[in-house]
Amino acid sequence: MLKEERQQLILNEVELHNRVLLTDIAEHLEVSVDTVRRDVKELDSESKLRKVHGGAISLGYTHTASRSTNVYALNEKMVIATKAVTLLKNGAVIFIDGGTTCLEMARTIPPKLNLTCFTYSLPVALQLAGMPNVDLIFIGGRISKDAMISNGSYTIQRLSEVKFDYCFIGTGYVDSLHGLTEFDWDVVQLKKAVIQASKKTILLCISEKLNSQHRFKTCDINAINTMITELQPENTLLNLFRNQDIRLL
């Protein structure tokens, strides 16, 4: 495989999943970790991604509250966000996860809607802070400088003290049999706590992530009440999920 092809595959994986491990990429491409590390370093120098310890993250993931032009599949995520806000009800208490799709949802909340919104995402919090009818509560803790979210035992403890009407979460990987998975153990613990604290869980996920999995499990697919993609619910790509006890939107 030519270097240009290899680097394009690395970029595709980073853009799709936001964060990747060098070891996973090396295994996927059947090359050495040192080769992938050199590629990632070169792509970082060209401002195509950001190299972090043991991996890489997409430039769209290193966002602030302002919309980044580097967000992968932005049009699809805008469609998902538009669907997601139709589930919101005046006076609801909700949780919004971190990540680019959830941030897009935060931007799409109708200005006249009265909500109490919890989040552990700094970019989501900054977006919601400008909305006069949103009562914003930030769940603190140790800040992950890569993902710009608070995490750790303090954050999980605070989550255990709340009951949300709805939580809106993202995922790195989702499969009809294996459920929601991630490569980051700490992120899994956070998402487990969020799901446990919610009456209903809504998954926001672009269709490219369907039928993928990683090593650490967040939950079974039937722990999700509603899955929102950019696809129409009757799309055949969703057939494997149609047999599960979840609503497709």
C-alpha atoms as a PDB file:
ATOM      1  CA  MET A   1       0.000   0.000   0.000  1.00  0.00           C
ATOM      2  CA  LEU A   2       1.329   3.432  -0.949  1.00  0.00           C
ATOM      3  CA  LYS A   3       1.939   5.953   1.811  1.00  0.00           C
ATOM      4  CA  GLU A   4      -0.713   8.276   0.379  1.00  0.00           C
ATOM      5  CA  GLU A   5      -3.324   5.487   0.467  1.00  0.00           C
ATOM      6  CA  ARG A   6      -2.316   4.511   3.991  1.00  0.00           C
ATOM      7  CA  GLN A   7      -2.560   8.072   5.254  1.00  0.00           C
ATOM      8  CA  GLN A   8      -5.946   8.554   3.628  1.00  0.00           C
ATOM      9  CA  LEU A   9      -7.234   5.437   5.406  1.00  0.00           C
ATOM     10  CA  ILE A  10      -5.885   6.809   8.685  1.00  0.00           C
ATOM     11  CA  LEU A  11      -7.695  10.100   8.089  1.00  0.00           C
ATOM     12  CA  ASN A  12     -10.925   8.283   7.265  1.00  0.00           C
ATOM     13  CA  GLU A  13     -10.800   6.322  10.537  1.00  0.00           C
ATOM     14  CA  VAL A  14      -9.973   9.422  12.574  1.00  0.00           C
ATOM     15  CA  GLU A  15     -12.744  11.475  10.988  1.00  0.00           C
ATOM     16  CA  LEU A  16     -15.339   8.733  11.444  1.00  0.00           C
ATOM     17  CA  HIS A  17     -14.566   7.834  15.055  1.00  0.00           C
ATOM     18  CA  ASN A  18     -13.074  11.185  16.205  1.00  0.00           C
ATOM     19  CA  ARG A  19     -10.373   9.394  18.224  1.00  0.00           C
ATOM     20  CA  VAL A  20      -8.280   6.361  17.299  1.00  0.00           C
ATOM     21  CA  LEU A  21      -5.395   4.375  18.789  1.00  0.00           C
ATOM     22  CA  LEU A  22      -2.161   3.852  16.877  1.00  0.00           C
ATOM     23  CA  THR A  23      -2.224   0.143  17.757  1.00  0.00           C
ATOM     24  CA  ASP A  24      -5.715  -0.279  16.282  1.00  0.00           C
ATOM     25  CA  ILE A  25      -4.735   1.474  13.059  1.00  0.00           C
ATOM     26  CA  ALA A  26      -1.563  -0.591  12.767  1.00  0.00           C
ATOM     27  CA  GLU A  27      -3.539  -3.807  13.177  1.00  0.00           C
ATOM     28  CA  HIS A  28      -6.165  -2.666  10.667  1.00  0.00           C
ATOM     29  CA  LEU A  29      -3.546  -1.717   8.041  1.00  0.00           C
ATOM     30  CA  GLU A  30      -1.227  -4.640   8.895  1.00  0.00           C
ATOM     31  CA  VAL A  31       1.785  -2.370   9.359  1.00  0.00           C
ATOM     32  CA  SER A  32       3.992  -1.560  12.347  1.00  0.00           C
ATOM     33  CA  VAL A  33       2.977   0.938  15.040  1.00  0.00           C
ATOM     34  CA  ASP A  34       6.120   2.938  14.181  1.00  0.00           C
ATOM     35  CA  THR A  35       4.898   3.293  10.591  1.00  0.00           C
ATOM     36  CA  VAL A  36       1.523   4.562  11.748  1.00  0.00           C
ATOM     37  CA  ARG A  37       3.197   6.894  14.254  1.00  0.00           C
ATOM     38  CA  ARG A  38       5.284   8.440  11.448  1.00  0.00           C
ATOM     39  CA  ASP A  39       2.183   8.835   9.274  1.00  0.00           C
ATOM     40  CA  VAL A  40       0.210  10.452  12.088  1.00  0.00           C
ATOM     41  CA  LYS A  41       3.100  12.799  12.880  1.00  0.00           C
ATOM     42  CA  GLU A  42       3.260  13.841   9.224  1.00  0.00           C
ATOM     43  CA  LEU A  43      -0.523  14.342   9.025  1.00  0.00           C
ATOM     44  CA  ASP A  44      -0.342  16.414  12.197  1.00  0.00           C
ATOM     45  CA  SER A  45       2.360  18.638  10.680  1.00  0.00           C
ATOM     46  CA  GLU A  46       0.073  19.157   7.676  1.00  0.00           C
ATOM     47  CA  SER A  47      -2.801  20.159  10.039  1.00  0.00           C
ATOM     48  CA  LYS A  48      -4.995  17.261   8.895  1.00  0.00           C
ATOM     49  CA  LEU A  49      -5.420  15.753  12.378  1.00  0.00           C
ATOM     50  CA  ARG A  50      -3.940  16.183  15.857  1.00  0.00           C
ATOM     51  CA  LYS A  51      -1.470  13.689  17.287  1.00  0.00           C
ATOM     52  CA  VAL A  52      -2.031  12.783  20.934  1.00  0.00           C
ATOM     53  CA  HIS A  53      -0.349  10.272  23.219  1.00  0.00           C
ATOM     54  CA  GLY A  54      -0.912   6.806  21.764  1.00  0.00           C
ATOM     55  CA  GLY A  55      -3.280   7.954  19.041  1.00  0.00           C
ATOM     56  CA  ALA A  56      -4.838  10.754  17.058  1.00  0.00           C
ATOM     57  CA  ILE A  57      -7.978  12.878  17.134  1.00  0.00           C
ATOM     58  CA  SER A  58      -9.806  14.704  14.374  1.00  0.00           C
ATOM     59  CA  LEU A  59      -9.535  18.463  14.124  1.00  0.00           C
ATOM     60  CA  GLY A  60     -13.320  18.661  14.294  1.00  0.00           C
ATOM     61  CA  TYR A  61     -13.157  17.020  17.719  1.00  0.00           C
ATOM     62  CA  THR A  62     -10.880  19.741  19.092  1.00  0.00           C
ATOM     63  CA  HIS A  63     -13.693  22.246  18.739  1.00  0.00           C
ATOM     64  CA  THR A  64     -15.022  25.099  20.783  1.00  0.00           C
ATOM     65  CA  ALA A  65     -18.638  26.273  20.753  1.00  0.00           C
ATOM     66  CA  SER A  66     -18.129  27.847  17.328  1.00  0.00           C
ATOM     67  CA  ARG A  67     -18.781  25.465  14.452  1.00  0.00           C
ATOM     68  CA  SER A  68     -15.638  24.003  12.979  1.00  0.00           C
ATOM     69  CA  THR A  69     -15.300  23.607   9.211  1.00  0.00           C
ATOM     70  CA  ASN A  70     -13.466  20.333   9.897  1.00  0.00           C
ATOM     71  CA  VAL A  71     -16.453  18.430  11.314  1.00  0.00           C
ATOM     72  CA  TYR A  72     -16.812  15.135   9.492  1.00  0.00           C
ATOM     73  CA  ALA A  73     -20.213  14.415   7.869  1.00  0.00           C
ATOM     74  CA  LEU A  74     -21.591  17.740   9.099  1.00  0.00           C
ATOM     75  CA  ASN A  75     -24.692  17.628   6.871  1.00  0.00           C
ATOM     76  CA  GLU A  76     -25.628  14.188   8.195  1.00  0.00           C
ATOM     77  CA  LYS A  77     -25.114  15.362  11.776  1.00  0.00           C
ATOM     78  CA  MET A  78     -27.328  18.399  11.146  1.00  0.00           C
ATOM     79  CA  VAL A  79     -30.106  16.060   9.956  1.00  0.00           C
ATOM     80  CA  ILE A  80     -29.721  13.982  13.125  1.00  0.00           C
ATOM     81  CA  ALA A  81     -29.792  17.119  15.290  1.00  0.00           C
ATOM     82  CA  THR A  82     -32.988  18.327  13.633  1.00  0.00           C
ATOM     83  CA  LYS A  83     -34.670  14.994  14.361  1.00  0.00           C
ATOM     84  CA  ALA A  84     -33.384  14.935  17.941  1.00  0.00           C
ATOM     85  CA  VAL A  85     -34.852  18.287  18.972  1.00  0.00           C
ATOM     86  CA  THR A  86     -38.335  17.127  17.929  1.00  0.00           C
ATOM     87  CA  LEU A  87     -38.253  14.871  21.019  1.00  0.00           C
ATOM     88  CA  LEU A  88     -37.748  17.793  23.402  1.00  0.00           C
ATOM     89  CA  LYS A  89     -40.648  18.986  25.539  1.00  0.00           C
ATOM     90  CA  ASN A  90     -41.056  22.263  27.372  1.00  0.00           C
ATOM     91  CA  GLY A  91     -39.800  21.939  30.949  1.00  0.00           C
ATOM     92  CA  ALA A  92     -37.848  18.707  30.343  1.00  0.00           C
ATOM     93  CA  VAL A  93     -34.682  17.834  32.247  1.00  0.00           C
ATOM     94  CA  ILE A  94     -32.166  16.437  29.768  1.00  0.00           C
ATOM     95  CA  PHE A  95     -28.526  15.444  29.420  1.00  0.00           C
ATOM     96  CA  ILE A  96     -26.464  16.157  26.293  1.00  0.00           C
ATOM     97  CA  ASP A  97     -23.266  14.171  25.717  1.00  0.00           C
ATOM     98  CA  GLY A  98     -20.019  15.441  24.217  1.00  0.00           C
ATOM     99  CA  GLY A  99     -18.969  15.002  20.593  1.00  0.00           C
ATOM    100  CA  THR A 100     -19.711  16.792  17.359  1.00  0.00           C
ATOM    101  CA  THR A 101     -23.194  15.335  16.765  1.00  0.00           C
ATOM    102  CA  CYS A 102     -24.399  16.229  20.259  1.00  0.00           C
ATOM    103  CA  LEU A 103     -22.893  19.701  19.904  1.00  0.00           C
ATOM    104  CA  GLU A 104     -24.858  20.109  16.679  1.00  0.00           C
ATOM    105  CA  MET A 105     -28.011  19.138  18.561  1.00  0.00           C
ATOM    106  CA  ALA A 106     -27.283  21.774  21.215  1.00  0.00           C
ATOM    107  CA  ARG A 107     -27.046  24.388  18.455  1.00  0.00           C
ATOM    108  CA  THR A 108     -30.417  23.298  17.048  1.00  0.00           C
ATOM    109  CA  ILE A 109     -32.492  23.643  20.244  1.00  0.00           C
ATOM    110  CA  PRO A 110     -35.366  26.102  19.571  1.00  0.00           C
ATOM    111  CA  PRO A 111     -34.650  29.386  21.414  1.00  0.00           C
ATOM    112  CA  LYS A 112     -38.136  29.585  22.979  1.00  0.00           C
ATOM    113  CA  LEU A 113     -37.991  26.104  24.523  1.00  0.00           C
ATOM    114  CA  ASN A 114     -37.579  26.042  28.314  1.00  0.00           C
ATOM    115  CA  LEU A 115     -35.212  23.249  29.355  1.00  0.00           C
ATOM    116  CA  THR A 116     -32.905  22.184  32.142  1.00  0.00           C
ATOM    117  CA  CYS A 117     -29.793  20.840  30.428  1.00  0.00           C
ATOM    118  CA  PHE A 118     -26.970  18.918  32.094  1.00  0.00           C
ATOM    119  CA  THR A 119     -23.688  18.209  30.326  1.00  0.00           C
ATOM    120  CA  TYR A 120     -20.072  17.313  31.065  1.00  0.00           C
ATOM    121  CA  SER A 121     -18.908  18.678  27.690  1.00  0.00           C
ATOM    122  CA  LEU A 122     -17.251  22.099  27.736  1.00  0.00           C
ATOM    123  CA  PRO A 123     -18.162  22.918  24.092  1.00  0.00           C
ATOM    124  CA  VAL A 124     -21.800  21.892  24.659  1.00  0.00           C
ATOM    125  CA  ALA A 125     -21.899  23.964  27.847  1.00  0.00           C
ATOM    126  CA  LEU A 126     -20.525  27.021  26.043  1.00  0.00           C
ATOM    127  CA  GLN A 127     -23.164  26.628  23.339  1.00  0.00           C
ATOM    128  CA  LEU A 128     -26.031  26.236  25.822  1.00  0.00           C
ATOM    129  CA  ALA A 129     -24.792  29.140  27.959  1.00  0.00           C
ATOM    130  CA  GLY A 130     -25.933  31.563  25.271  1.00  0.00           C
ATOM    131  CA  MET A 131     -29.530  30.320  25.324  1.00  0.00           C
ATOM    132  CA  PRO A 132     -31.703  32.436  27.661  1.00  0.00           C
ATOM    133  CA  ASN A 133     -34.375  29.769  28.216  1.00  0.00           C
ATOM    134  CA  VAL A 134     -31.960  26.947  29.031  1.00  0.00           C
ATOM    135  CA  ASP A 135     -31.084  26.375  32.680  1.00  0.00           C
ATOM    136  CA  LEU A 136     -27.559  24.990  32.221  1.00  0.00           C
ATOM    137  CA  ILE A 137     -25.879  22.743  34.797  1.00  0.00           C
ATOM    138  CA  PHE A 138     -22.300  21.679  34.096  1.00  0.00           C
ATOM    139  CA  ILE A 139     -21.160  18.432  35.699  1.00  0.00           C
ATOM    140  CA  GLY A 140     -17.553  18.985  36.710  1.00  0.00           C
ATOM    141  CA  GLY A 141     -14.579  16.742  37.316  1.00  0.00           C
ATOM    142  CA  ARG A 142     -11.174  16.112  35.810  1.00  0.00           C
ATOM    143  CA  ILE A 143     -11.091  17.602  32.297  1.00  0.00           C
ATOM    144  CA  SER A 144      -9.954  15.469  29.375  1.00  0.00           C
ATOM    145  CA  LYS A 145      -7.953  17.889  27.230  1.00  0.00           C
ATOM    146  CA  ASP A 146      -8.491  15.739  24.133  1.00  0.00           C
ATOM    147  CA  ALA A 147     -12.272  15.334  24.327  1.00  0.00           C
ATOM    148  CA  MET A 148     -12.951  18.519  26.352  1.00  0.00           C
ATOM    149  CA  ILE A 149     -15.227  16.652  28.784  1.00  0.00           C
ATOM    150  CA  SER A 150     -15.061  16.137  32.532  1.00  0.00           C
ATOM    151  CA  ASN A 151     -14.577  12.549  33.659  1.00  0.00           C
ATOM    152  CA  GLY A 152     -13.480  10.376  36.543  1.00  0.00           C
ATOM    153  CA  SER A 153     -15.076   9.291  39.818  1.00  0.00           C
ATOM    154  CA  TYR A 154     -16.225  12.792  40.803  1.00  0.00           C
ATOM    155  CA  THR A 155     -18.189  13.197  37.551  1.00  0.00           C
ATOM    156  CA  ILE A 156     -19.738   9.728  37.883  1.00  0.00           C
ATOM    157  CA  GLN A 157     -20.769  10.461  41.477  1.00  0.00           C
ATOM    158  CA  ARG A 158     -22.533  13.669  40.411  1.00  0.00           C
ATOM    159  CA  LEU A 159     -24.358  11.791  37.662  1.00  0.00           C
ATOM    160  CA  SER A 160     -25.684   9.281  40.203  1.00  0.00           C
ATOM    161  CA  GLU A 161     -27.477  12.124  42.012  1.00  0.00           C
ATOM    162  CA  VAL A 162     -29.722  13.117  39.087  1.00  0.00           C
ATOM    163  CA  LYS A 163     -32.571  11.572  37.077  1.00  0.00           C
ATOM    164  CA  PHE A 164     -32.917  12.890  33.529  1.00  0.00           C
ATOM    165  CA  ASP A 165     -36.078  12.674  31.432  1.00  0.00           C
ATOM    166  CA  TYR A 166     -33.900  12.023  28.380  1.00  0.00           C
ATOM    167  CA  CYS A 167     -30.204  11.668  27.686  1.00  0.00           C
ATOM    168  CA  PHE A 168     -28.818  12.250  24.212  1.00  0.00           C
ATOM    169  CA  ILE A 169     -25.562  10.369  23.713  1.00  0.00           C
ATOM    170  CA  GLY A 170     -23.117   9.548  20.967  1.00  0.00           C
ATOM    171  CA  THR A 171     -20.951   6.464  20.522  1.00  0.00           C
ATOM    172  CA  GLY A 172     -17.774   5.451  18.764  1.00  0.00           C
ATOM    173  CA  TYR A 173     -19.192   2.123  17.623  1.00  0.00           C
ATOM    174  CA  VAL A 174     -22.627   0.501  17.465  1.00  0.00           C
ATOM    175  CA  ASP A 175     -23.750  -2.983  16.445  1.00  0.00           C
ATOM    176  CA  SER A 176     -27.136  -4.701  16.599  1.00  0.00           C
ATOM    177  CA  LEU A 177     -25.671  -7.708  18.455  1.00  0.00           C
ATOM    178  CA  HIS A 178     -22.792  -6.204  20.423  1.00  0.00           C
ATOM    179  CA  GLY A 179     -24.482  -2.941  21.353  1.00  0.00           C
ATOM    180  CA  LEU A 180     -22.557   0.277  22.005  1.00  0.00           C
ATOM    181  CA  THR A 181     -18.791   0.008  22.416  1.00  0.00           C
ATOM    182  CA  GLU A 182     -15.748   2.286  22.767  1.00  0.00           C
ATOM    183  CA  PHE A 183     -11.978   1.907  22.940  1.00  0.00           C
ATOM    184  CA  ASP A 184     -11.749   4.217  25.983  1.00  0.00           C
ATOM    185  CA  TRP A 185     -12.569   2.546  29.322  1.00  0.00           C
ATOM    186  CA  ASP A 186     -13.113   5.885  31.101  1.00  0.00           C
ATOM    187  CA  VAL A 187     -15.605   7.046  28.473  1.00  0.00           C
ATOM    188  CA  VAL A 188     -17.538   3.791  28.852  1.00  0.00           C
ATOM    189  CA  GLN A 189     -17.868   4.356  32.605  1.00  0.00           C
ATOM    190  CA  LEU A 190     -19.215   7.858  31.987  1.00  0.00           C
ATOM    191  CA  LYS A 191     -21.774   6.706  29.447  1.00  0.00           C
ATOM    192  CA  LYS A 192     -22.902   3.872  31.719  1.00  0.00           C
ATOM    193  CA  ALA A 193     -23.533   6.421  34.479  1.00  0.00           C
ATOM    194  CA  VAL A 194     -25.471   8.690  32.108  1.00  0.00           C
ATOM    195  CA  ILE A 195     -27.690   5.833  30.890  1.00  0.00           C
ATOM    196  CA  GLN A 196     -28.302   4.715  34.473  1.00  0.00           C
ATOM    197  CA  ALA A 197     -29.361   8.273  35.379  1.00  0.00           C
ATOM    198  CA  SER A 198     -31.854   8.592  32.502  1.00  0.00           C
ATOM    199  CA  LYS A 199     -35.468   7.536  32.096  1.00  0.00           C
ATOM    200  CA  LYS A 200     -34.931   7.266  28.337  1.00  0.00           C
ATOM    201  CA  THR A 201     -31.753   7.098  26.269  1.00  0.00           C
ATOM    202  CA  ILE A 202     -31.508   8.485  22.744  1.00  0.00           C
ATOM    203  CA  LEU A 203     -28.517   7.537  20.595  1.00  0.00           C
ATOM    204  CA  LEU A 204     -27.344  10.016  17.936  1.00  0.00           C
ATOM    205  CA  CYS A 205     -25.252   8.162  15.352  1.00  0.00           C
ATOM    206  CA  ILE A 206     -24.302   8.630  11.716  1.00  0.00           C
ATOM    207  CA  SER A 207     -24.966   5.528   9.626  1.00  0.00           C
ATOM    208  CA  GLU A 208     -21.272   4.924   8.845  1.00  0.00           C
ATOM    209  CA  LYS A 209     -20.824   3.758  12.443  1.00  0.00           C
ATOM    210  CA  LEU A 210     -23.487   1.057  12.155  1.00  0.00           C
ATOM    211  CA  ASN A 211     -22.301  -2.550  12.434  1.00  0.00           C
ATOM    212  CA  SER A 212     -18.975  -1.640  14.041  1.00  0.00           C
ATOM    213  CA  GLN A 213     -17.569  -2.605  17.439  1.00  0.00           C
ATOM    214  CA  HIS A 214     -14.611  -2.155  19.761  1.00  0.00           C
ATOM    215  CA  ARG A 215     -13.286  -3.746  22.956  1.00  0.00           C
ATOM    216  CA  PHE A 216     -15.182  -2.055  25.819  1.00  0.00           C
ATOM    217  CA  LYS A 217     -18.956  -2.362  26.033  1.00  0.00           C
ATOM    218  CA  THR A 218     -21.153   0.563  27.079  1.00  0.00           C
ATOM    219  CA  CYS A 219     -24.507  -1.214  26.916  1.00  0.00           C
ATOM    220  CA  ASP A 220     -26.676  -3.660  24.993  1.00  0.00           C
ATOM    221  CA  ILE A 221     -28.543  -2.200  22.053  1.00  0.00           C
ATOM    222  CA  ASN A 222     -31.901  -2.607  23.829  1.00  0.00           C
ATOM    223  CA  ALA A 223     -30.719  -0.239  26.573  1.00  0.00           C
ATOM    224  CA  ILE A 224     -31.324   2.443  23.940  1.00  0.00           C
ATOM    225  CA  ASN A 225     -34.903   3.645  23.585  1.00  0.00           C
ATOM    226  CA  THR A 226     -34.435   5.560  20.331  1.00  0.00           C
ATOM    227  CA  MET A 227     -31.670   5.527  17.723  1.00  0.00           C
ATOM    228  CA  ILE A 228     -31.459   8.542  15.419  1.00  0.00           C
ATOM    229  CA  THR A 229     -29.463   8.444  12.192  1.00  0.00           C
ATOM    230  CA  GLU A 230     -29.545  10.624   9.097  1.00  0.00           C
ATOM    231  CA  LEU A 231     -31.373   7.797   7.280  1.00  0.00           C
ATOM    232  CA  GLN A 232     -35.089   7.334   6.876  1.00  0.00           C
ATOM    233  CA  PRO A 233     -36.336   4.745   9.416  1.00  0.00           C
ATOM    234  CA  GLU A 234     -37.357   2.335   6.666  1.00  0.00           C
ATOM    235  CA  ASN A 235     -33.862   2.308   5.093  1.00  0.00           C
ATOM    236  CA  THR A 236     -32.581  -1.248   4.581  1.00  0.00           C
ATOM    237  CA  LEU A 237     -29.283  -0.395   6.327  1.00  0.00           C
ATOM    238  CA  LEU A 238     -31.292  -0.351   9.550  1.00  0.00           C
ATOM    239  CA  ASN A 239     -32.809  -3.819   9.069  1.00  0.00           C
ATOM    240  CA  LEU A 240     -30.611  -5.492  11.687  1.00  0.00           C
ATOM    241  CA  PHE A 241     -31.687  -2.905  14.247  1.00  0.00           C
ATOM    242  CA  ARG A 242     -35.356  -3.159  13.317  1.00  0.00           C
ATOM    243  CA  ASN A 243     -35.595  -6.499  15.116  1.00  0.00           C
ATOM    244  CA  GLN A 244     -34.406  -4.933  18.367  1.00  0.00           C
ATOM    245  CA  ASP A 245     -36.674  -3.316  20.914  1.00  0.00           C
ATOM    246  CA  ILE A 246     -35.730   0.244  19.936  1.00  0.00           C
ATOM    247  CA  ARG A 247     -37.397   3.076  18.066  1.00  0.00           C
ATOM    248  CA  LEU A 248     -35.724   4.183  14.825  1.00  0.00           C
ATOM    249  CA  LEU A 249     -35.990   7.847  13.905  1.00  0.00           C
END
